[in-house]
Every structure is written in C-alpha cells, then in structure tokens.
N, C-alpha and C. Protein backbone atom coordinates (compact mmCIF):
# COMPACT_ATOMS: atom_id res chain seq x y z
N UNK A 1 34.10 34.06 196.46
CA UNK A 1 34.41 34.82 197.67
C UNK A 1 33.30 35.83 197.90
N UNK A 2 32.74 35.83 199.11
CA UNK A 2 31.61 36.70 199.43
C UNK A 2 32.05 37.85 200.32
N UNK A 3 31.05 38.49 200.98
CA UNK A 3 31.31 39.64 201.85
C UNK A 3 32.11 40.69 201.10
N UNK A 4 31.43 41.18 200.02
CA UNK A 4 32.07 42.15 199.11
C UNK A 4 33.44 41.64 198.67
N UNK A 5 33.42 40.38 198.21
CA UNK A 5 34.61 39.79 197.61
C UNK A 5 35.85 39.98 198.48
N UNK A 6 35.78 39.45 199.69
CA UNK A 6 36.99 39.40 200.53
C UNK A 6 37.19 40.58 201.43
N UNK A 7 36.13 41.31 201.77
CA UNK A 7 36.29 42.47 202.64
C UNK A 7 36.86 42.10 204.00
N UNK A 8 36.46 40.93 204.55
CA UNK A 8 36.99 40.49 205.82
C UNK A 8 38.48 40.21 205.75
N UNK A 9 38.92 39.59 204.65
CA UNK A 9 40.34 39.31 204.46
C UNK A 9 41.14 40.61 204.39
N UNK A 10 40.60 41.60 203.71
CA UNK A 10 41.29 42.88 203.60
C UNK A 10 41.38 43.58 204.95
N UNK A 11 40.31 43.50 205.74
CA UNK A 11 40.32 44.09 207.08
C UNK A 11 41.36 43.41 207.96
N UNK A 12 41.48 42.08 207.87
CA UNK A 12 42.48 41.36 208.65
C UNK A 12 43.89 41.76 208.23
N UNK A 13 44.08 41.97 206.93
CA UNK A 13 45.39 42.39 206.45
C UNK A 13 45.78 43.74 207.04
N UNK A 14 44.84 44.67 207.09
CA UNK A 14 45.11 45.98 207.68
C UNK A 14 45.47 45.84 209.16
N UNK A 15 44.77 44.96 209.87
CA UNK A 15 45.07 44.73 211.28
C UNK A 15 46.49 44.20 211.45
N UNK A 16 46.90 43.29 210.56
CA UNK A 16 48.25 42.73 210.64
C UNK A 16 49.29 43.83 210.46
N UNK A 17 49.13 44.68 209.44
CA UNK A 17 50.12 45.72 209.20
C UNK A 17 50.10 46.79 210.29
N UNK A 18 48.93 47.08 210.83
CA UNK A 18 48.88 48.02 211.95
C UNK A 18 49.62 47.44 213.16
N UNK A 19 49.49 46.13 213.37
CA UNK A 19 50.09 45.48 214.52
C UNK A 19 51.59 45.25 214.33
N UNK A 20 52.00 44.92 213.10
CA UNK A 20 53.38 44.50 212.85
C UNK A 20 54.19 45.52 212.07
N UNK A 21 53.75 46.76 212.02
CA UNK A 21 54.42 47.76 211.17
C UNK A 21 55.89 47.92 211.52
N UNK A 22 56.19 48.02 212.79
CA UNK A 22 57.58 48.24 213.19
C UNK A 22 58.44 47.02 212.84
N UNK A 23 57.90 45.82 213.08
CA UNK A 23 58.62 44.60 212.72
C UNK A 23 58.84 44.53 211.22
N UNK A 24 57.80 44.82 210.45
CA UNK A 24 57.89 44.77 209.00
C UNK A 24 58.91 45.77 208.48
N UNK A 25 58.84 47.00 208.99
CA UNK A 25 59.75 48.04 208.52
C UNK A 25 61.20 47.67 208.82
N UNK A 26 61.44 47.04 209.99
CA UNK A 26 62.79 46.66 210.35
C UNK A 26 63.36 45.54 209.52
N UNK A 27 62.50 44.77 208.87
CA UNK A 27 62.96 43.64 208.07
C UNK A 27 63.18 44.00 206.61
N UNK A 28 62.81 45.20 206.22
CA UNK A 28 62.94 45.62 204.82
C UNK A 28 64.30 46.27 204.59
N UNK A 29 64.81 46.13 203.38
CA UNK A 29 66.05 46.80 203.03
C UNK A 29 65.76 48.12 202.34
N UNK A 30 66.69 48.54 201.49
CA UNK A 30 66.51 49.78 200.75
C UNK A 30 65.66 49.57 199.52
N UNK A 31 65.62 50.55 198.64
CA UNK A 31 64.81 50.44 197.42
C UNK A 31 65.25 49.26 196.55
N UNK A 32 64.28 48.66 195.86
CA UNK A 32 64.60 47.57 194.93
C UNK A 32 65.30 48.16 193.71
N UNK A 33 66.30 47.43 193.19
CA UNK A 33 67.11 47.95 192.09
C UNK A 33 66.27 48.19 190.84
N UNK A 34 65.30 47.33 190.56
CA UNK A 34 64.46 47.52 189.37
C UNK A 34 63.68 48.82 189.48
N UNK A 35 63.19 49.12 190.67
CA UNK A 35 62.43 50.36 190.87
C UNK A 35 63.36 51.57 190.77
N UNK A 36 64.56 51.44 191.30
CA UNK A 36 65.54 52.52 191.18
C UNK A 36 65.82 52.84 189.71
N UNK A 37 66.03 51.82 188.92
CA UNK A 37 66.33 52.03 187.51
C UNK A 37 65.16 52.68 186.79
N UNK A 38 63.95 52.26 187.14
CA UNK A 38 62.76 52.83 186.51
C UNK A 38 62.62 54.32 186.85
N UNK A 39 62.91 54.68 188.07
CA UNK A 39 62.71 56.07 188.53
C UNK A 39 63.85 57.01 188.15
N UNK A 40 65.01 56.44 187.83
CA UNK A 40 66.20 57.25 187.60
C UNK A 40 65.97 58.27 186.48
N UNK A 41 66.18 59.54 186.81
CA UNK A 41 66.07 60.62 185.83
C UNK A 41 64.66 61.12 185.57
N UNK A 42 63.66 60.50 186.16
CA UNK A 42 62.28 60.93 185.92
C UNK A 42 61.95 62.13 186.81
N UNK A 43 61.17 63.04 186.26
CA UNK A 43 60.76 64.22 187.01
C UNK A 43 59.41 64.70 186.50
N UNK A 44 58.78 65.56 187.28
CA UNK A 44 57.47 66.07 186.91
C UNK A 44 56.82 66.76 188.09
N UNK A 45 55.51 66.86 188.06
CA UNK A 45 54.80 67.57 189.12
C UNK A 45 54.39 66.66 190.27
N UNK A 46 53.71 65.55 189.97
CA UNK A 46 53.15 64.70 191.02
C UNK A 46 53.54 63.25 190.80
N UNK A 47 54.11 62.65 191.85
CA UNK A 47 54.41 61.22 191.85
C UNK A 47 53.75 60.58 193.06
N UNK A 48 53.29 59.35 192.89
CA UNK A 48 52.57 58.64 193.95
C UNK A 48 53.19 57.26 194.15
N UNK A 49 53.33 56.87 195.41
CA UNK A 49 53.71 55.51 195.76
C UNK A 49 52.51 54.85 196.43
N UNK A 50 51.81 54.00 195.69
CA UNK A 50 50.63 53.31 196.21
C UNK A 50 51.05 52.09 197.02
N UNK A 51 50.48 51.96 198.21
CA UNK A 51 50.92 50.89 199.10
C UNK A 51 52.36 51.11 199.50
N UNK A 52 52.66 52.34 199.92
CA UNK A 52 54.06 52.74 200.15
C UNK A 52 54.69 52.03 201.34
N UNK A 53 53.87 51.41 202.21
CA UNK A 53 54.45 50.71 203.34
C UNK A 53 55.30 51.61 204.20
N UNK A 54 56.52 51.16 204.50
CA UNK A 54 57.42 51.93 205.34
C UNK A 54 58.19 53.00 204.57
N UNK A 55 57.89 53.17 203.29
CA UNK A 55 58.41 54.32 202.55
C UNK A 55 59.77 54.16 201.92
N UNK A 56 60.20 52.92 201.68
CA UNK A 56 61.56 52.77 201.18
C UNK A 56 61.76 53.29 199.77
N UNK A 57 60.70 53.45 198.97
CA UNK A 57 60.85 53.94 197.60
C UNK A 57 60.56 55.43 197.45
N UNK A 58 60.14 56.08 198.51
CA UNK A 58 59.74 57.49 198.39
C UNK A 58 60.90 58.37 197.95
N UNK A 59 62.09 58.08 198.42
CA UNK A 59 63.21 58.95 198.07
C UNK A 59 63.57 58.89 196.59
N UNK A 60 63.12 57.83 195.89
CA UNK A 60 63.38 57.72 194.46
C UNK A 60 62.56 58.72 193.65
N UNK A 61 61.57 59.33 194.29
CA UNK A 61 60.64 60.23 193.58
C UNK A 61 60.98 61.69 193.81
N UNK A 62 62.19 61.98 194.26
CA UNK A 62 62.55 63.35 194.62
C UNK A 62 62.67 64.28 193.41
N UNK A 63 62.59 63.74 192.19
CA UNK A 63 62.59 64.60 191.02
C UNK A 63 61.24 65.24 190.74
N UNK A 64 60.25 64.94 191.57
CA UNK A 64 58.90 65.48 191.38
C UNK A 64 58.60 66.55 192.43
N UNK A 65 57.79 67.51 192.03
CA UNK A 65 57.47 68.62 192.93
C UNK A 65 56.70 68.15 194.16
N UNK A 66 55.80 67.21 193.95
CA UNK A 66 54.96 66.71 195.05
C UNK A 66 55.00 65.19 195.03
N UNK A 67 55.29 64.61 196.20
CA UNK A 67 55.37 63.16 196.35
C UNK A 67 54.30 62.73 197.35
N UNK A 68 53.48 61.76 196.94
CA UNK A 68 52.38 61.29 197.77
C UNK A 68 52.59 59.81 198.10
N UNK A 69 52.73 59.50 199.37
CA UNK A 69 52.82 58.12 199.81
C UNK A 69 51.47 57.68 200.35
N UNK A 70 50.93 56.61 199.80
CA UNK A 70 49.57 56.15 200.15
C UNK A 70 49.64 54.75 200.75
N UNK A 71 48.98 54.57 201.89
CA UNK A 71 48.85 53.24 202.47
C UNK A 71 47.57 53.20 203.29
N UNK A 72 47.00 51.99 203.45
CA UNK A 72 45.76 51.90 204.24
C UNK A 72 46.04 51.69 205.72
N UNK A 73 47.30 51.47 206.08
CA UNK A 73 47.69 51.26 207.46
C UNK A 73 48.30 52.52 208.05
N UNK A 74 47.67 53.06 209.08
CA UNK A 74 48.21 54.26 209.73
C UNK A 74 49.57 53.97 210.37
N UNK A 75 49.73 52.77 210.91
CA UNK A 75 51.01 52.43 211.53
C UNK A 75 52.13 52.36 210.50
N UNK A 76 51.82 51.85 209.30
CA UNK A 76 52.85 51.83 208.26
C UNK A 76 53.20 53.23 207.82
N UNK A 77 52.24 54.13 207.80
CA UNK A 77 52.53 55.51 207.44
C UNK A 77 53.41 56.18 208.50
N UNK A 78 53.25 55.80 209.75
CA UNK A 78 54.15 56.30 210.80
C UNK A 78 55.58 55.87 210.51
N UNK A 79 55.74 54.61 210.08
CA UNK A 79 57.07 54.14 209.70
C UNK A 79 57.58 54.86 208.46
N UNK A 80 56.70 55.14 207.52
CA UNK A 80 57.10 55.88 206.31
C UNK A 80 57.56 57.29 206.66
N UNK A 81 56.90 57.92 207.62
CA UNK A 81 57.34 59.25 208.04
C UNK A 81 58.74 59.19 208.64
N UNK A 82 58.99 58.14 209.45
CA UNK A 82 60.31 57.98 210.03
C UNK A 82 61.36 57.76 208.93
N UNK A 83 61.01 56.93 207.95
CA UNK A 83 61.93 56.69 206.84
C UNK A 83 62.23 57.97 206.07
N UNK A 84 61.21 58.77 205.83
CA UNK A 84 61.40 60.03 205.09
C UNK A 84 62.34 60.96 205.83
N UNK A 85 62.18 61.06 207.14
CA UNK A 85 63.07 61.91 207.93
C UNK A 85 64.50 61.38 207.91
N UNK A 86 64.66 60.07 208.00
CA UNK A 86 65.99 59.48 207.95
C UNK A 86 66.63 59.68 206.58
N UNK A 87 65.85 59.56 205.52
CA UNK A 87 66.38 59.78 204.18
C UNK A 87 66.90 61.20 204.02
N UNK A 88 66.19 62.15 204.59
CA UNK A 88 66.63 63.54 204.47
C UNK A 88 67.95 63.76 205.22
N UNK A 89 68.12 63.04 206.32
CA UNK A 89 69.36 63.17 207.07
C UNK A 89 70.50 62.40 206.42
N UNK A 90 70.22 61.20 205.95
CA UNK A 90 71.28 60.30 205.47
C UNK A 90 71.61 60.44 203.99
N UNK A 91 70.63 60.88 203.18
CA UNK A 91 70.83 60.91 201.73
C UNK A 91 70.67 62.31 201.15
N UNK A 92 70.45 63.28 202.01
CA UNK A 92 70.29 64.64 201.51
C UNK A 92 69.05 64.83 200.68
N UNK A 93 68.01 64.04 200.96
CA UNK A 93 66.77 64.14 200.19
C UNK A 93 65.96 65.31 200.74
N UNK A 94 66.35 66.49 200.34
CA UNK A 94 65.68 67.70 200.81
C UNK A 94 65.87 68.77 199.74
N UNK A 95 65.44 68.43 198.53
CA UNK A 95 65.71 69.29 197.38
C UNK A 95 64.48 70.04 196.90
N UNK A 96 63.52 70.22 197.77
CA UNK A 96 62.35 71.00 197.40
C UNK A 96 61.10 70.18 197.19
N UNK A 97 61.22 68.86 197.12
CA UNK A 97 60.03 68.02 196.96
C UNK A 97 59.17 68.08 198.22
N UNK A 98 57.89 68.22 198.03
CA UNK A 98 56.96 68.14 199.14
C UNK A 98 56.47 66.70 199.26
N UNK A 99 56.58 66.11 200.45
CA UNK A 99 56.18 64.72 200.67
C UNK A 99 54.96 64.70 201.58
N UNK A 100 53.90 64.05 201.11
CA UNK A 100 52.68 63.92 201.89
C UNK A 100 52.36 62.44 202.05
N UNK A 101 51.99 62.04 203.25
CA UNK A 101 51.61 60.66 203.53
C UNK A 101 50.12 60.61 203.81
N UNK A 102 49.43 59.73 203.08
CA UNK A 102 47.97 59.74 203.05
C UNK A 102 47.43 58.34 203.34
N UNK A 103 46.53 58.25 204.30
CA UNK A 103 45.86 56.98 204.55
C UNK A 103 44.67 56.88 203.61
N UNK A 104 44.70 55.89 202.73
CA UNK A 104 43.65 55.75 201.72
C UNK A 104 43.63 54.33 201.19
N UNK A 105 42.57 54.03 200.47
CA UNK A 105 42.33 52.71 199.89
C UNK A 105 42.71 52.75 198.42
N UNK A 106 43.49 51.77 197.97
CA UNK A 106 43.93 51.77 196.57
C UNK A 106 42.78 51.52 195.60
N UNK A 107 41.63 51.11 196.11
CA UNK A 107 40.46 50.92 195.24
C UNK A 107 39.65 52.20 195.09
N UNK A 108 39.91 53.19 195.95
CA UNK A 108 39.18 54.47 195.90
C UNK A 108 40.15 55.58 196.26
N UNK A 109 40.94 55.98 195.31
CA UNK A 109 41.99 56.95 195.57
C UNK A 109 41.43 58.37 195.68
N UNK A 110 41.92 59.14 196.64
CA UNK A 110 41.41 60.50 196.86
C UNK A 110 42.08 61.54 195.97
N UNK A 111 42.28 61.22 194.71
CA UNK A 111 42.96 62.10 193.77
C UNK A 111 42.06 62.40 192.59
N UNK A 112 42.26 63.56 192.01
CA UNK A 112 41.53 63.93 190.81
C UNK A 112 41.96 63.05 189.63
N UNK A 113 41.10 62.91 188.67
CA UNK A 113 41.46 62.18 187.46
C UNK A 113 42.57 62.91 186.71
N UNK A 114 43.43 62.14 186.05
CA UNK A 114 44.50 62.71 185.21
C UNK A 114 45.44 63.61 186.01
N UNK A 115 45.72 63.26 187.26
CA UNK A 115 46.48 64.18 188.12
C UNK A 115 47.89 63.70 188.48
N UNK A 116 48.25 62.48 188.13
CA UNK A 116 49.52 61.90 188.59
C UNK A 116 50.43 61.60 187.41
N UNK A 117 51.65 62.10 187.47
CA UNK A 117 52.59 61.90 186.37
C UNK A 117 53.30 60.56 186.44
N UNK A 118 53.52 60.08 187.64
CA UNK A 118 54.19 58.79 187.83
C UNK A 118 53.59 58.11 189.05
N UNK A 119 53.35 56.81 188.93
CA UNK A 119 52.83 56.03 190.05
C UNK A 119 53.67 54.77 190.21
N UNK A 120 54.10 54.52 191.44
CA UNK A 120 54.67 53.23 191.80
C UNK A 120 53.59 52.42 192.52
N UNK A 121 53.46 51.18 192.15
CA UNK A 121 52.47 50.29 192.78
C UNK A 121 53.19 48.98 193.02
N UNK A 122 54.08 48.98 194.01
CA UNK A 122 55.04 47.92 194.20
C UNK A 122 54.60 46.98 195.33
N UNK A 123 54.45 45.71 194.98
CA UNK A 123 54.17 44.67 195.98
C UNK A 123 52.95 44.99 196.83
N UNK A 124 51.89 45.48 196.19
CA UNK A 124 50.67 45.81 196.93
C UNK A 124 49.41 45.26 196.26
N UNK A 125 49.35 45.28 194.94
CA UNK A 125 48.18 44.78 194.23
C UNK A 125 47.85 43.36 194.65
N UNK A 126 48.88 42.55 194.88
CA UNK A 126 48.66 41.13 195.21
C UNK A 126 48.06 40.93 196.60
N UNK A 127 47.92 41.98 197.39
CA UNK A 127 47.27 41.86 198.70
C UNK A 127 45.75 41.95 198.60
N UNK A 128 45.22 42.40 197.49
CA UNK A 128 43.76 42.53 197.35
C UNK A 128 43.16 41.15 197.16
N UNK A 129 42.13 40.80 197.95
CA UNK A 129 41.71 39.40 198.09
C UNK A 129 40.71 38.88 197.06
N UNK A 130 40.52 39.58 195.96
CA UNK A 130 39.67 39.03 194.91
C UNK A 130 40.05 39.69 193.58
N UNK A 131 39.72 39.01 192.49
CA UNK A 131 40.02 39.57 191.19
C UNK A 131 39.25 40.86 190.96
N UNK A 132 38.00 40.93 191.42
CA UNK A 132 37.21 42.14 191.20
C UNK A 132 37.86 43.33 191.90
N UNK A 133 38.39 43.13 193.08
CA UNK A 133 39.06 44.23 193.78
C UNK A 133 40.36 44.63 193.06
N UNK A 134 41.08 43.64 192.59
CA UNK A 134 42.32 43.96 191.87
C UNK A 134 42.01 44.73 190.59
N UNK A 135 40.96 44.34 189.88
CA UNK A 135 40.58 45.06 188.67
C UNK A 135 40.08 46.47 188.99
N UNK A 136 39.34 46.62 190.09
CA UNK A 136 38.91 47.96 190.52
C UNK A 136 40.12 48.86 190.77
N UNK A 137 41.14 48.29 191.40
CA UNK A 137 42.33 49.08 191.71
C UNK A 137 43.09 49.47 190.44
N UNK A 138 43.19 48.55 189.49
CA UNK A 138 43.84 48.88 188.22
C UNK A 138 43.07 49.96 187.47
N UNK A 139 41.75 49.92 187.56
CA UNK A 139 40.93 50.96 186.93
C UNK A 139 41.16 52.31 187.59
N UNK A 140 41.30 52.32 188.91
CA UNK A 140 41.62 53.55 189.63
C UNK A 140 43.00 54.09 189.22
N UNK A 141 43.95 53.18 189.06
CA UNK A 141 45.27 53.59 188.61
C UNK A 141 45.18 54.29 187.26
N UNK A 142 44.43 53.71 186.35
CA UNK A 142 44.24 54.33 185.03
C UNK A 142 43.59 55.71 185.16
N UNK A 143 42.63 55.83 186.06
CA UNK A 143 41.89 57.10 186.22
C UNK A 143 42.80 58.23 186.67
N UNK A 144 43.71 57.96 187.61
CA UNK A 144 44.49 59.05 188.19
C UNK A 144 45.73 59.39 187.37
N UNK A 145 46.15 58.52 186.48
CA UNK A 145 47.33 58.82 185.66
C UNK A 145 47.02 59.95 184.67
N UNK A 146 47.97 60.87 184.54
CA UNK A 146 47.83 61.92 183.54
C UNK A 146 47.98 61.33 182.15
N UNK A 147 47.62 62.10 181.13
CA UNK A 147 47.67 61.59 179.76
C UNK A 147 49.04 61.07 179.39
N UNK A 148 50.09 61.73 179.88
CA UNK A 148 51.46 61.31 179.59
C UNK A 148 52.07 60.54 180.76
N UNK A 149 51.22 60.13 181.71
CA UNK A 149 51.72 59.47 182.90
C UNK A 149 52.15 58.03 182.64
N UNK A 150 52.90 57.50 183.61
CA UNK A 150 53.39 56.14 183.52
C UNK A 150 53.40 55.54 184.92
N UNK A 151 53.22 54.24 184.99
CA UNK A 151 53.23 53.56 186.28
C UNK A 151 54.05 52.28 186.19
N UNK A 152 54.65 51.93 187.30
CA UNK A 152 55.33 50.65 187.45
C UNK A 152 54.65 49.88 188.56
N UNK A 153 54.20 48.67 188.27
CA UNK A 153 53.61 47.84 189.31
C UNK A 153 54.35 46.51 189.38
N UNK A 154 54.30 45.90 190.56
CA UNK A 154 54.92 44.59 190.71
C UNK A 154 54.05 43.72 191.60
N UNK A 155 54.12 42.41 191.37
CA UNK A 155 53.44 41.42 192.18
C UNK A 155 54.36 40.21 192.33
N UNK A 156 54.13 39.44 193.37
CA UNK A 156 54.86 38.19 193.51
C UNK A 156 54.45 37.22 192.41
N UNK A 157 55.44 36.51 191.89
CA UNK A 157 55.21 35.56 190.82
C UNK A 157 55.22 34.13 191.36
N UNK A 158 54.43 33.27 190.76
CA UNK A 158 54.40 31.87 191.16
C UNK A 158 55.77 31.23 190.97
N UNK A 159 56.61 31.80 190.12
CA UNK A 159 57.94 31.27 189.88
C UNK A 159 58.97 31.75 190.90
N UNK A 160 58.54 32.53 191.90
CA UNK A 160 59.47 32.98 192.94
C UNK A 160 60.06 31.75 193.65
N UNK A 161 61.37 31.73 193.88
CA UNK A 161 61.99 30.57 194.52
C UNK A 161 61.40 30.22 195.88
N UNK A 162 60.88 31.20 196.59
CA UNK A 162 60.36 30.91 197.94
C UNK A 162 59.13 30.00 197.89
N UNK A 163 58.50 29.91 196.71
CA UNK A 163 57.30 29.09 196.59
C UNK A 163 57.56 27.70 196.00
N UNK A 164 58.83 27.34 195.90
CA UNK A 164 59.17 26.07 195.25
C UNK A 164 58.46 24.89 195.91
N UNK A 165 58.42 24.86 197.24
CA UNK A 165 57.81 23.73 197.94
C UNK A 165 56.30 23.85 198.07
N UNK A 166 55.74 25.03 197.76
CA UNK A 166 54.32 25.26 197.97
C UNK A 166 53.57 25.55 196.68
N UNK A 167 54.28 25.41 195.56
CA UNK A 167 53.71 25.84 194.28
C UNK A 167 52.43 25.10 193.94
N UNK A 168 52.42 23.80 194.14
CA UNK A 168 51.22 23.03 193.81
C UNK A 168 50.06 23.42 194.72
N UNK A 169 50.34 23.66 195.99
CA UNK A 169 49.30 24.10 196.92
C UNK A 169 48.71 25.44 196.48
N UNK A 170 49.57 26.37 196.08
CA UNK A 170 49.13 27.70 195.66
C UNK A 170 48.28 27.59 194.39
N UNK A 171 48.75 26.82 193.43
CA UNK A 171 48.01 26.65 192.18
C UNK A 171 46.66 25.99 192.44
N UNK A 172 46.63 25.05 193.39
CA UNK A 172 45.38 24.38 193.72
C UNK A 172 44.38 25.30 194.37
N UNK A 173 44.87 26.40 194.98
CA UNK A 173 44.00 27.39 195.61
C UNK A 173 43.78 28.60 194.71
N UNK A 174 44.03 28.42 193.41
CA UNK A 174 43.86 29.51 192.43
C UNK A 174 44.70 30.73 192.77
N UNK A 175 45.86 30.51 193.37
CA UNK A 175 46.80 31.59 193.60
C UNK A 175 46.70 32.25 194.95
N UNK A 176 45.67 31.95 195.74
CA UNK A 176 45.49 32.59 197.04
C UNK A 176 46.34 31.88 198.09
N UNK A 177 47.04 32.68 198.90
CA UNK A 177 48.02 32.10 199.83
C UNK A 177 48.21 33.05 201.01
N UNK A 178 48.65 32.51 202.14
CA UNK A 178 48.96 33.31 203.32
C UNK A 178 50.44 33.14 203.68
N UNK A 179 51.09 34.24 203.99
CA UNK A 179 52.51 34.24 204.34
C UNK A 179 52.65 34.81 205.74
N UNK A 180 53.43 34.15 206.57
CA UNK A 180 53.57 34.53 207.97
C UNK A 180 54.43 35.77 208.14
N UNK A 181 54.07 36.57 209.15
CA UNK A 181 54.92 37.65 209.65
C UNK A 181 54.79 37.59 211.16
N UNK A 182 55.81 37.05 211.82
CA UNK A 182 55.72 36.81 213.25
C UNK A 182 54.64 35.78 213.54
N UNK A 183 53.74 36.11 214.45
CA UNK A 183 52.66 35.20 214.81
C UNK A 183 51.38 35.48 214.04
N UNK A 184 51.48 36.29 212.99
CA UNK A 184 50.32 36.61 212.16
C UNK A 184 50.60 36.17 210.72
N UNK A 185 49.61 36.30 209.86
CA UNK A 185 49.80 35.96 208.45
C UNK A 185 49.11 36.99 207.57
N UNK A 186 49.64 37.12 206.35
CA UNK A 186 49.12 38.10 205.40
C UNK A 186 48.62 37.38 204.15
N UNK A 187 47.52 37.90 203.59
CA UNK A 187 46.99 37.35 202.35
C UNK A 187 47.82 37.84 201.16
N UNK A 188 48.07 36.93 200.23
CA UNK A 188 48.67 37.26 198.94
C UNK A 188 47.93 36.51 197.84
N UNK A 189 47.82 37.13 196.70
CA UNK A 189 47.44 36.41 195.50
C UNK A 189 48.71 36.27 194.67
N UNK A 190 49.15 35.04 194.48
CA UNK A 190 50.40 34.77 193.78
C UNK A 190 50.07 34.58 192.30
N UNK A 191 50.65 35.43 191.48
CA UNK A 191 50.27 35.50 190.07
C UNK A 191 51.06 34.55 189.17
N UNK A 192 50.36 33.97 188.23
CA UNK A 192 50.98 33.41 187.04
C UNK A 192 51.05 34.51 185.99
N UNK A 193 52.02 34.41 185.09
CA UNK A 193 52.22 35.47 184.10
C UNK A 193 50.96 35.72 183.26
N UNK A 194 50.36 34.64 182.76
CA UNK A 194 49.21 34.83 181.88
C UNK A 194 48.03 35.46 182.63
N UNK A 195 47.90 35.16 183.91
CA UNK A 195 46.82 35.75 184.68
C UNK A 195 47.03 37.25 184.86
N UNK A 196 48.27 37.65 185.16
CA UNK A 196 48.54 39.08 185.30
C UNK A 196 48.31 39.79 183.96
N UNK A 197 48.78 39.19 182.88
CA UNK A 197 48.56 39.78 181.56
C UNK A 197 47.06 39.92 181.28
N UNK A 198 46.28 38.91 181.63
CA UNK A 198 44.83 38.98 181.41
C UNK A 198 44.18 40.08 182.25
N UNK A 199 44.58 40.20 183.51
CA UNK A 199 44.01 41.24 184.36
C UNK A 199 44.35 42.63 183.82
N UNK A 200 45.57 42.81 183.39
CA UNK A 200 45.97 44.11 182.84
C UNK A 200 45.20 44.41 181.56
N UNK A 201 44.99 43.40 180.74
CA UNK A 201 44.26 43.61 179.49
C UNK A 201 42.77 43.86 179.74
N UNK A 202 42.23 43.34 180.82
CA UNK A 202 40.84 43.60 181.17
C UNK A 202 40.65 45.00 181.76
N UNK A 203 41.72 45.60 182.23
CA UNK A 203 41.67 46.97 182.76
C UNK A 203 41.81 47.96 181.60
N UNK A 204 41.61 49.26 181.87
CA UNK A 204 41.79 50.24 180.80
C UNK A 204 43.25 50.53 180.47
N UNK A 205 44.18 50.02 181.25
CA UNK A 205 45.59 50.36 181.10
C UNK A 205 46.20 49.79 179.83
N UNK A 206 47.21 50.49 179.33
CA UNK A 206 48.02 49.99 178.21
C UNK A 206 49.33 49.45 178.77
N UNK A 207 49.70 48.24 178.36
CA UNK A 207 50.89 47.58 178.89
C UNK A 207 52.06 47.79 177.93
N UNK A 208 53.13 48.41 178.45
CA UNK A 208 54.33 48.63 177.63
C UNK A 208 55.36 47.52 177.84
N UNK A 209 55.38 46.95 179.04
CA UNK A 209 56.38 45.92 179.35
C UNK A 209 55.85 45.05 180.47
N UNK A 210 56.14 43.75 180.39
CA UNK A 210 55.81 42.81 181.45
C UNK A 210 56.94 41.79 181.50
N UNK A 211 57.63 41.72 182.64
CA UNK A 211 58.75 40.79 182.72
C UNK A 211 58.93 40.25 184.13
N UNK A 212 59.60 39.11 184.22
CA UNK A 212 59.89 38.45 185.48
C UNK A 212 61.32 38.79 185.89
N UNK A 213 61.46 39.36 187.09
CA UNK A 213 62.78 39.71 187.62
C UNK A 213 62.81 39.36 189.11
N UNK A 214 63.75 38.51 189.49
CA UNK A 214 63.95 38.17 190.91
C UNK A 214 62.67 37.70 191.58
N UNK A 215 61.89 36.91 190.89
CA UNK A 215 60.69 36.34 191.49
C UNK A 215 59.48 37.25 191.52
N UNK A 216 59.58 38.40 190.88
CA UNK A 216 58.46 39.34 190.80
C UNK A 216 58.13 39.62 189.34
N UNK A 217 56.84 39.76 189.05
CA UNK A 217 56.45 40.29 187.75
C UNK A 217 56.37 41.80 187.86
N UNK A 218 57.02 42.48 186.93
CA UNK A 218 56.98 43.94 186.84
C UNK A 218 56.25 44.31 185.55
N UNK A 219 55.36 45.29 185.64
CA UNK A 219 54.66 45.79 184.46
C UNK A 219 54.78 47.30 184.41
N UNK A 220 55.13 47.81 183.25
CA UNK A 220 55.12 49.24 183.00
C UNK A 220 53.86 49.53 182.21
N UNK A 221 53.04 50.43 182.73
CA UNK A 221 51.74 50.69 182.12
C UNK A 221 51.50 52.19 181.99
N UNK A 222 50.58 52.54 181.10
CA UNK A 222 50.17 53.91 180.89
C UNK A 222 48.65 53.95 180.75
N UNK A 223 48.04 55.12 180.85
CA UNK A 223 46.57 55.18 180.74
C UNK A 223 46.09 54.79 179.36
N UNK A 224 44.95 54.12 179.32
CA UNK A 224 44.39 53.69 178.05
C UNK A 224 43.54 54.76 177.41
C-alpha cells in the first residue's frame, strides 16, 4: 500500500464519517456491556476515549476528573457533544467531570507522555488502512498512558458472525474489507487473533488479556 500507506483510504474514511455522522449516531445503541464492566469502579485524573465517535462510552468515564473524547471527524464530535448533553439530562452524568471533545489523529495524539490514566480505544484501530499506521497508533497509545495506566481496545474479529459469507474473501485480501453505511462504504481491517497478538507484541504495550467476545477481540493493555 502506497501514498503513505493508505493515506487516501484514511481521508475517504473521514469524509464518510463527516457525511454520515448523524445516520451513524442514530444507528448506535448504548455502551457495550464489556466496556461497561471494564470501566465500572475505575477513577482517576484523566481518561480518554480514542475514536469516540458519537460518544456512547463517554459517560462510563465519569469517575475521572477530566474526560477527553477524541475523533478525527468534526461531524462525529458534534454528535458526541449532543450525546454528552443528553447523558447529563437522562443519566445525571454531571458529577464534576470535565468533558472535552478534541479533533485529532490517533497516530499523533496531542497529549503529553505519561498523561492518561485510562484509555478506551473501541472499534477504531481497525479503521487504520495499513499495519504501519496501526502500529504507529499503538505506539502512541503506549506513549500517553501513565505508568499505572491501563487501556481497553477492541477490533472486529474474522470470527464475527456477520462475516460468515465473506470470510474467505476477507482472508484472501489479507483482512482488508469495506462495509457499507448508506450509499458509502468504510474501510476495516478484520483481524485474526494471531495477527492482533503479533501487532500488540510488536508495539511497546504489555498485554494483560486478549479474548473474543460477541465477534470482537478485546485486549487489556498497559504501558511497556
């Protein structure tokens, strides 16, 4: 893959989310149960949701003094702001946490090193269109985590039931695939377990857990 290893693909992905943000946000439900369980009872100074999208997981981070939602799509951040306001009205999420929404690239995070106590990186890593970009992002994750920090990341798994009819096609394309949203499509890299394990081991991160749940691979990691 050329053009800085998929830069054009990444630009098209941003265009799709900018164009379809409202549609995407309306099709999403509440927080995923695995993420809820991971966040339950956790607290600290700074928590980050990387690739926060429409913000459905932000309310899970209310035990932290400062919550940062990061996405590269300005339109998705608009939806995240709406979600945050609705959460405060509907769930009483107004307990002193400061919530900031930031347009940024997961490969070049605008945070100091060792500054984040908890990071969620849910269903976003698999949108990066090359292995080098995904490894760059994992290295950035390691950089911003505090010494005692922890992160939860998830990616779509090749064993997801939705890929039953397309599994051979995906494997034949080394995991690269496009999924429709309305009249547009989004890039995904669909992971096999061993590939995700290899990418994590090539990064500086330490892996505490890696498991398949509901068609997604979840990994709990800490700084190396």
